[in-house]
Amino acid sequence: MASDPAVVTASEANRTFSSLLRQVAKGQSFTVHSHGRPVAQLTPVDQGSRTSPAARQALLARLATQPASGEARAWQRDDLYD
């Protein structure tokens, strides 16, 4: 059974990102907190992929109930690459 993720602050994660990634590659998980609140999780791919189908279903269910904005797009794709 996996242990609870270690907690790191966003500033600490920013300063030590390479080190955190090495630890994640070894199986460690982290919860990143900003202003005392959890905002992200760093988990090994094999752990994160187990939640993908549920996350995808939740997203699709939410999008099905969310109306489109109806706003016309004022930009062209090529505008993004100027």
PDB file of N, CA and C in Angstrom:
ATOM      1  N   MET A   1       0.843  -1.187   0.000  1.00  0.00           N
ATOM      2  CA  MET A   1       0.000   0.000   0.000  1.00  0.00           C
ATOM      3  C   MET A   1       0.883   1.244   0.000  1.00  0.00           C
ATOM      4  N   ALA A   2       0.565   2.210  -0.848  1.00  0.00           N
ATOM      5  CA  ALA A   2       1.376   3.419  -0.964  1.00  0.00           C
ATOM      6  C   ALA A   2       1.114   4.342   0.220  1.00  0.00           C
ATOM      7  N   SER A   3       2.148   5.059   0.609  1.00  0.00           N
ATOM      8  CA  SER A   3       1.990   6.005   1.706  1.00  0.00           C
ATOM      9  C   SER A   3       1.379   7.296   1.177  1.00  0.00           C
ATOM     10  N   ASP A   4       0.914   8.134   2.098  1.00  0.00           N
ATOM     11  CA  ASP A   4       0.356   9.419   1.700  1.00  0.00           C
ATOM     12  C   ASP A   4       1.434  10.263   1.036  1.00  0.00           C
ATOM     13  N   PRO A   5       1.042  11.092   0.066  1.00  0.00           N
ATOM     14  CA  PRO A   5       2.027  11.958  -0.587  1.00  0.00           C
ATOM     15  C   PRO A   5       2.643  12.941   0.396  1.00  0.00           C
ATOM     16  N   ALA A   6       3.922  13.219   0.225  1.00  0.00           N
ATOM     17  CA  ALA A   6       4.595  14.241   1.018  1.00  0.00           C
ATOM     18  C   ALA A   6       4.090  15.607   0.555  1.00  0.00           C
ATOM     19  N   VAL A   7       4.056  16.570   1.457  1.00  0.00           N
ATOM     20  CA  VAL A   7       3.588  17.912   1.133  1.00  0.00           C
ATOM     21  C   VAL A   7       4.797  18.819   0.925  1.00  0.00           C
ATOM     22  N   VAL A   8       4.778  19.582  -0.190  1.00  0.00           N
ATOM     23  CA  VAL A   8       5.800  20.593  -0.452  1.00  0.00           C
ATOM     24  C   VAL A   8       5.094  21.890  -0.814  1.00  0.00           C
ATOM     25  N   THR A   9       5.724  23.005  -0.500  1.00  0.00           N
ATOM     26  CA  THR A   9       5.150  24.292  -0.889  1.00  0.00           C
ATOM     27  C   THR A   9       5.459  24.545  -2.358  1.00  0.00           C
ATOM     28  N   ALA A  10       4.679  25.417  -2.972  1.00  0.00           N
ATOM     29  CA  ALA A  10       4.905  25.751  -4.376  1.00  0.00           C
ATOM     30  C   ALA A  10       6.287  26.354  -4.575  1.00  0.00           C
ATOM     31  N   SER A  11       6.724  27.201  -3.656  1.00  0.00           N
ATOM     32  CA  SER A  11       8.053  27.800  -3.811  1.00  0.00           C
ATOM     33  C   SER A  11       9.150  26.746  -3.679  1.00  0.00           C
ATOM     34  N   GLU A  12       8.986  25.801  -2.759  1.00  0.00           N
ATOM     35  CA  GLU A  12       9.958  24.717  -2.623  1.00  0.00           C
ATOM     36  C   GLU A  12       9.964  23.846  -3.881  1.00  0.00           C
ATOM     37  N   ALA A  13       8.786  23.544  -4.409  1.00  0.00           N
ATOM     38  CA  ALA A  13       8.697  22.742  -5.632  1.00  0.00           C
ATOM     39  C   ALA A  13       9.390  23.458  -6.782  1.00  0.00           C
ATOM     40  N   ASN A  14       9.232  24.759  -6.848  1.00  0.00           N
ATOM     41  CA  ASN A  14       9.875  25.544  -7.897  1.00  0.00           C
ATOM     42  C   ASN A  14      11.401  25.467  -7.777  1.00  0.00           C
ATOM     43  N   ARG A  15      11.903  25.590  -6.568  1.00  0.00           N
ATOM     44  CA  ARG A  15      13.358  25.569  -6.346  1.00  0.00           C
ATOM     45  C   ARG A  15      13.968  24.196  -6.545  1.00  0.00           C
ATOM     46  N   THR A  16      13.219  23.142  -6.253  1.00  0.00           N
ATOM     47  CA  THR A  16      13.792  21.790  -6.240  1.00  0.00           C
ATOM     48  C   THR A  16      13.109  20.851  -7.223  1.00  0.00           C
ATOM     49  N   PHE A  17      12.593  21.391  -8.316  1.00  0.00           N
ATOM     50  CA  PHE A  17      11.787  20.589  -9.235  1.00  0.00           C
ATOM     51  C   PHE A  17      12.532  19.367  -9.769  1.00  0.00           C
ATOM     52  N   SER A  18      13.781  19.529 -10.158  1.00  0.00           N
ATOM     53  CA  SER A  18      14.548  18.396 -10.689  1.00  0.00           C
ATOM     54  C   SER A  18      14.675  17.290  -9.648  1.00  0.00           C
ATOM     55  N   SER A  19      14.938  17.683  -8.429  1.00  0.00           N
ATOM     56  CA  SER A  19      15.053  16.704  -7.343  1.00  0.00           C
ATOM     57  C   SER A  19      13.720  16.003  -7.099  1.00  0.00           C
ATOM     58  N   LEU A  20      12.638  16.754  -7.124  1.00  0.00           N
ATOM     59  CA  LEU A  20      11.312  16.157  -6.939  1.00  0.00           C
ATOM     60  C   LEU A  20      11.022  15.151  -8.047  1.00  0.00           C
ATOM     61  N   LEU A  21      11.369  15.491  -9.280  1.00  0.00           N
ATOM     62  CA  LEU A  21      11.127  14.564 -10.389  1.00  0.00           C
ATOM     63  C   LEU A  21      11.924  13.270 -10.224  1.00  0.00           C
ATOM     64  N   ARG A  22      13.159  13.378  -9.749  1.00  0.00           N
ATOM     65  CA  ARG A  22      13.946  12.163  -9.506  1.00  0.00           C
ATOM     66  C   ARG A  22      13.274  11.288  -8.454  1.00  0.00           C
ATOM     67  N   GLN A  23      12.732  11.917  -7.413  1.00  0.00           N
ATOM     68  CA  GLN A  23      12.050  11.164  -6.361  1.00  0.00           C
ATOM     69  C   GLN A  23      10.745  10.554  -6.875  1.00  0.00           C
ATOM     70  N   VAL A  24      10.039  11.283  -7.717  1.00  0.00           N
ATOM     71  CA  VAL A  24       8.802  10.765  -8.312  1.00  0.00           C
ATOM     72  C   VAL A  24       9.121   9.546  -9.179  1.00  0.00           C
ATOM     73  N   ALA A  25      10.222   9.621  -9.923  1.00  0.00           N
ATOM     74  CA  ALA A  25      10.621   8.490 -10.770  1.00  0.00           C
ATOM     75  C   ALA A  25      10.907   7.243  -9.936  1.00  0.00           C
ATOM     76  N   LYS A  26      11.248   7.427  -8.672  1.00  0.00           N
ATOM     77  CA  LYS A  26      11.508   6.303  -7.766  1.00  0.00           C
ATOM     78  C   LYS A  26      10.252   5.852  -7.024  1.00  0.00           C
ATOM     79  N   GLY A  27       9.112   6.496  -7.315  1.00  0.00           N
ATOM     80  CA  GLY A  27       7.858   6.055  -6.715  1.00  0.00           C
ATOM     81  C   GLY A  27       7.252   6.974  -5.680  1.00  0.00           C
ATOM     82  N   GLN A  28       7.942   8.040  -5.288  1.00  0.00           N
ATOM     83  CA  GLN A  28       7.431   8.978  -4.276  1.00  0.00           C
ATOM     84  C   GLN A  28       6.379   9.893  -4.904  1.00  0.00           C
ATOM     85  N   SER A  29       5.382  10.273  -4.147  1.00  0.00           N
ATOM     86  CA  SER A  29       4.359  11.227  -4.594  1.00  0.00           C
ATOM     87  C   SER A  29       4.417  12.475  -3.724  1.00  0.00           C
ATOM     88  N   PHE A  30       4.028  13.593  -4.302  1.00  0.00           N
ATOM     89  CA  PHE A  30       4.027  14.870  -3.582  1.00  0.00           C
ATOM     90  C   PHE A  30       2.729  15.610  -3.849  1.00  0.00           C
ATOM     91  N   THR A  31       2.250  16.330  -2.837  1.00  0.00           N
ATOM     92  CA  THR A  31       1.147  17.268  -2.997  1.00  0.00           C
ATOM     93  C   THR A  31       1.747  18.649  -2.836  1.00  0.00           C
ATOM     94  N   VAL A  32       1.517  19.510  -3.828  1.00  0.00           N
ATOM     95  CA  VAL A  32       2.063  20.863  -3.812  1.00  0.00           C
ATOM     96  C   VAL A  32       1.001  21.800  -3.234  1.00  0.00           C
ATOM     97  N   HIS A  33       1.400  22.563  -2.223  1.00  0.00           N
ATOM     98  CA  HIS A  33       0.503  23.522  -1.579  1.00  0.00           C
ATOM     99  C   HIS A  33       0.925  24.945  -1.932  1.00  0.00           C
ATOM    100  N   SER A  34      -0.050  25.803  -2.152  1.00  0.00           N
ATOM    101  CA  SER A  34       0.186  27.229  -2.362  1.00  0.00           C
ATOM    102  C   SER A  34      -0.720  27.974  -1.391  1.00  0.00           C
ATOM    103  N   HIS A  35      -0.130  28.812  -0.589  1.00  0.00           N
ATOM    104  CA  HIS A  35      -0.870  29.561   0.436  1.00  0.00           C
ATOM    105  C   HIS A  35      -1.660  28.614   1.337  1.00  0.00           C
ATOM    106  N   GLY A  36      -1.044  27.469   1.648  1.00  0.00           N
ATOM    107  CA  GLY A  36      -1.645  26.520   2.571  1.00  0.00           C
ATOM    108  C   GLY A  36      -2.700  25.598   1.986  1.00  0.00           C
ATOM    109  N   ARG A  37      -2.953  25.724   0.688  1.00  0.00           N
ATOM    110  CA  ARG A  37      -3.990  24.897   0.060  1.00  0.00           C
ATOM    111  C   ARG A  37      -3.382  24.005  -1.017  1.00  0.00           C
ATOM    112  N   PRO A  38      -3.839  22.759  -1.121  1.00  0.00           N
ATOM    113  CA  PRO A  38      -3.309  21.874  -2.168  1.00  0.00           C
ATOM    114  C   PRO A  38      -3.727  22.360  -3.555  1.00  0.00           C
ATOM    115  N   VAL A  39      -2.750  22.420  -4.465  1.00  0.00           N
ATOM    116  CA  VAL A  39      -3.039  22.892  -5.822  1.00  0.00           C
ATOM    117  C   VAL A  39      -2.603  21.909  -6.905  1.00  0.00           C
ATOM    118  N   ALA A  40      -1.733  20.956  -6.578  1.00  0.00           N
ATOM    119  CA  ALA A  40      -1.246  20.016  -7.599  1.00  0.00           C
ATOM    120  C   ALA A  40      -0.707  18.769  -6.933  1.00  0.00           C
ATOM    121  N   GLN A  41      -0.621  17.708  -7.729  1.00  0.00           N
ATOM    122  CA  GLN A  41      -0.005  16.477  -7.259  1.00  0.00           C
ATOM    123  C   GLN A  41       1.049  16.041  -8.260  1.00  0.00           C
ATOM    124  N   LEU A  42       2.181  15.605  -7.747  1.00  0.00           N
ATOM    125  CA  LEU A  42       3.221  14.996  -8.570  1.00  0.00           C
ATOM    126  C   LEU A  42       3.233  13.525  -8.208  1.00  0.00           C
ATOM    127  N   THR A  43       2.882  12.676  -9.162  1.00  0.00           N
ATOM    128  CA  THR A  43       2.832  11.244  -8.911  1.00  0.00           C
ATOM    129  C   THR A  43       3.501  10.505 -10.053  1.00  0.00           C
ATOM    130  N   PRO A  44       4.024   9.322  -9.792  1.00  0.00           N
ATOM    131  CA  PRO A  44       4.583   8.530 -10.881  1.00  0.00           C
ATOM    132  C   PRO A  44       3.506   8.247 -11.930  1.00  0.00           C
ATOM    133  N   VAL A  45       3.910   8.103 -13.167  1.00  0.00           N
ATOM    134  CA  VAL A  45       2.972   7.908 -14.271  1.00  0.00           C
ATOM    135  C   VAL A  45       2.075   6.707 -14.040  1.00  0.00           C
ATOM    136  N   ASP A  46       2.614   5.600 -13.563  1.00  0.00           N
ATOM    137  CA  ASP A  46       1.778   4.417 -13.386  1.00  0.00           C
ATOM    138  C   ASP A  46       0.674   4.648 -12.367  1.00  0.00           C
ATOM    139  N   GLN A  47       0.913   5.464 -11.335  1.00  0.00           N
ATOM    140  CA  GLN A  47      -0.141   5.772 -10.368  1.00  0.00           C
ATOM    141  C   GLN A  47      -1.149   6.745 -10.971  1.00  0.00           C
ATOM    142  N   GLY A  48      -0.666   7.770 -11.663  1.00  0.00           N
ATOM    143  CA  GLY A  48      -1.546   8.773 -12.239  1.00  0.00           C
ATOM    144  C   GLY A  48      -2.425   8.210 -13.333  1.00  0.00           C
ATOM    145  N   SER A  49      -1.912   7.245 -14.098  1.00  0.00           N
ATOM    146  CA  SER A  49      -2.697   6.713 -15.209  1.00  0.00           C
ATOM    147  C   SER A  49      -3.877   5.882 -14.723  1.00  0.00           C
ATOM    148  N   ARG A  50      -3.816   5.383 -13.497  1.00  0.00           N
ATOM    149  CA  ARG A  50      -4.946   4.607 -12.966  1.00  0.00           C
ATOM    150  C   ARG A  50      -6.169   5.486 -12.746  1.00  0.00           C
ATOM    151  N   THR A  51      -5.967   6.776 -12.534  1.00  0.00           N
ATOM    152  CA  THR A  51      -7.107   7.664 -12.307  1.00  0.00           C
ATOM    153  C   THR A  51      -7.577   8.331 -13.593  1.00  0.00           C
ATOM    154  N   SER A  52      -6.860   8.148 -14.692  1.00  0.00           N
ATOM    155  CA  SER A  52      -7.224   8.801 -15.947  1.00  0.00           C
ATOM    156  C   SER A  52      -8.644   8.508 -16.418  1.00  0.00           C
ATOM    157  N   PRO A  53      -9.085   7.257 -16.466  1.00  0.00           N
ATOM    158  CA  PRO A  53     -10.455   7.016 -16.954  1.00  0.00           C
ATOM    159  C   PRO A  53     -11.514   7.720 -16.109  1.00  0.00           C
ATOM    160  N   ALA A  54     -11.353   7.732 -14.812  1.00  0.00           N
ATOM    161  CA  ALA A  54     -12.334   8.402 -13.953  1.00  0.00           C
ATOM    162  C   ALA A  54     -12.285   9.911 -14.162  1.00  0.00           C
ATOM    163  N   ALA A  55     -11.084  10.458 -14.279  1.00  0.00           N
ATOM    164  CA  ALA A  55     -10.947  11.895 -14.503  1.00  0.00           C
ATOM    165  C   ALA A  55     -11.541  12.281 -15.852  1.00  0.00           C
ATOM    166  N   ARG A  56     -11.308  11.462 -16.862  1.00  0.00           N
ATOM    167  CA  ARG A  56     -11.849  11.729 -18.195  1.00  0.00           C
ATOM    168  C   ARG A  56     -13.376  11.703 -18.158  1.00  0.00           C
ATOM    169  N   GLN A  57     -13.948  10.701 -17.509  1.00  0.00           N
ATOM    170  CA  GLN A  57     -15.411  10.603 -17.412  1.00  0.00           C
ATOM    171  C   GLN A  57     -15.989  11.811 -16.682  1.00  0.00           C
ATOM    172  N   ALA A  58     -15.323  12.247 -15.606  1.00  0.00           N
ATOM    173  CA  ALA A  58     -15.806  13.410 -14.856  1.00  0.00           C
ATOM    174  C   ALA A  58     -15.761  14.661 -15.721  1.00  0.00           C
ATOM    175  N   LEU A  59     -14.683  14.820 -16.477  1.00  0.00           N
ATOM    176  CA  LEU A  59     -14.573  15.981 -17.356  1.00  0.00           C
ATOM    177  C   LEU A  59     -15.651  15.958 -18.430  1.00  0.00           C
ATOM    178  N   LEU A  60     -15.843  14.825 -19.078  1.00  0.00           N
ATOM    179  CA  LEU A  60     -16.852  14.738 -20.125  1.00  0.00           C
ATOM    180  C   LEU A  60     -18.256  14.982 -19.580  1.00  0.00           C
ATOM    181  N   ALA A  61     -18.530  14.491 -18.384  1.00  0.00           N
ATOM    182  CA  ALA A  61     -19.840  14.726 -17.770  1.00  0.00           C
ATOM    183  C   ALA A  61     -20.048  16.211 -17.497  1.00  0.00           C
ATOM    184  N   ARG A  62     -18.999  16.883 -17.005  1.00  0.00           N
ATOM    185  CA  ARG A  62     -19.103  18.321 -16.723  1.00  0.00           C
ATOM    186  C   ARG A  62     -19.281  19.105 -18.018  1.00  0.00           C
ATOM    187  N   LEU A  63     -18.511  18.765 -19.042  1.00  0.00           N
ATOM    188  CA  LEU A  63     -18.612  19.476 -20.315  1.00  0.00           C
ATOM    189  C   LEU A  63     -19.971  19.281 -20.969  1.00  0.00           C
ATOM    190  N   ALA A  64     -20.589  18.138 -20.768  1.00  0.00           N
ATOM    191  CA  ALA A  64     -21.903  17.875 -21.354  1.00  0.00           C
ATOM    192  C   ALA A  64     -22.971  18.798 -20.772  1.00  0.00           C
ATOM    193  N   THR A  65     -22.773  19.258 -19.545  1.00  0.00           N
ATOM    194  CA  THR A  65     -23.763  20.131 -18.910  1.00  0.00           C
ATOM    195  C   THR A  65     -23.402  21.611 -19.010  1.00  0.00           C
ATOM    196  N   GLN A  66     -22.213  21.896 -19.529  1.00  0.00           N
ATOM    197  CA  GLN A  66     -21.737  23.278 -19.586  1.00  0.00           C
ATOM    198  C   GLN A  66     -22.042  23.865 -20.968  1.00  0.00           C
ATOM    199  N   PRO A  67     -22.807  24.956 -21.017  1.00  0.00           N
ATOM    200  CA  PRO A  67     -23.121  25.540 -22.331  1.00  0.00           C
ATOM    201  C   PRO A  67     -21.886  26.176 -22.968  1.00  0.00           C
ATOM    202  N   ALA A  68     -21.871  26.193 -24.290  1.00  0.00           N
ATOM    203  CA  ALA A  68     -20.791  26.874 -25.012  1.00  0.00           C
ATOM    204  C   ALA A  68     -20.921  28.371 -24.762  1.00  0.00           C
ATOM    205  N   SER A  69     -19.803  29.073 -24.844  1.00  0.00           N
ATOM    206  CA  SER A  69     -19.829  30.506 -24.550  1.00  0.00           C
ATOM    207  C   SER A  69     -20.594  31.286 -25.611  1.00  0.00           C
ATOM    208  N   GLY A  70     -20.608  30.800 -26.837  1.00  0.00           N
ATOM    209  CA  GLY A  70     -21.318  31.498 -27.892  1.00  0.00           C
ATOM    210  C   GLY A  70     -20.581  32.704 -28.426  1.00  0.00           C
ATOM    211  N   GLU A  71     -19.387  32.969 -27.908  1.00  0.00           N
ATOM    212  CA  GLU A  71     -18.621  34.121 -28.363  1.00  0.00           C
ATOM    213  C   GLU A  71     -17.856  33.765 -29.638  1.00  0.00           C
ATOM    214  N   ALA A  72     -17.865  34.697 -30.578  1.00  0.00           N
ATOM    215  CA  ALA A  72     -17.111  34.492 -31.809  1.00  0.00           C
ATOM    216  C   ALA A  72     -15.616  34.624 -31.516  1.00  0.00           C
ATOM    217  N   ARG A  73     -14.847  33.836 -32.183  1.00  0.00           N
ATOM    218  CA  ARG A  73     -13.401  33.884 -32.000  1.00  0.00           C
ATOM    219  C   ARG A  73     -12.862  35.046 -32.825  1.00  0.00           C
ATOM    220  N   ALA A  74     -12.132  35.949 -32.179  1.00  0.00           N
ATOM    221  CA  ALA A  74     -11.630  37.148 -32.843  1.00  0.00           C
ATOM    222  C   ALA A  74     -10.214  36.969 -33.374  1.00  0.00           C
ATOM    223  N   TRP A  75      -9.659  35.800 -33.236  1.00  0.00           N
ATOM    224  CA  TRP A  75      -8.284  35.576 -33.679  1.00  0.00           C
ATOM    225  C   TRP A  75      -8.232  34.401 -34.637  1.00  0.00           C
ATOM    226  N   GLN A  76      -7.169  34.369 -35.405  1.00  0.00           N
ATOM    227  CA  GLN A  76      -6.907  33.268 -36.318  1.00  0.00           C
ATOM    228  C   GLN A  76      -5.755  32.445 -35.769  1.00  0.00           C
ATOM    229  N   ARG A  77      -5.693  31.207 -36.135  1.00  0.00           N
ATOM    230  CA  ARG A  77      -4.627  30.324 -35.661  1.00  0.00           C
ATOM    231  C   ARG A  77      -3.243  30.910 -35.938  1.00  0.00           C
ATOM    232  N   ASP A  78      -3.048  31.490 -37.106  1.00  0.00           N
ATOM    233  CA  ASP A  78      -1.752  32.064 -37.474  1.00  0.00           C
ATOM    234  C   ASP A  78      -1.348  33.226 -36.560  1.00  0.00           C
ATOM    235  N   ASP A  79      -2.329  33.900 -35.929  1.00  0.00           N
ATOM    236  CA  ASP A  79      -2.026  34.989 -35.006  1.00  0.00           C
ATOM    237  C   ASP A  79      -1.222  34.505 -33.808  1.00  0.00           C
ATOM    238  N   LEU A  80      -1.359  33.243 -33.476  1.00  0.00           N
ATOM    239  CA  LEU A  80      -0.658  32.698 -32.327  1.00  0.00           C
ATOM    240  C   LEU A  80       0.832  32.537 -32.579  1.00  0.00           C
ATOM    241  N   TYR A  81       1.252  32.565 -33.833  1.00  0.00           N
ATOM    242  CA  TYR A  81       2.636  32.271 -34.176  1.00  0.00           C
ATOM    243  C   TYR A  81       3.368  33.454 -34.782  1.00  0.00           C
ATOM    244  N   ASP A  82       2.930  34.664 -34.509  1.00  0.00           N
ATOM    245  CA  ASP A  82       3.619  35.861 -35.023  1.00  0.00           C
ATOM    246  C   ASP A  82       4.941  36.075 -34.327  1.00  0.00           C
TER     247      ASP A  82
END
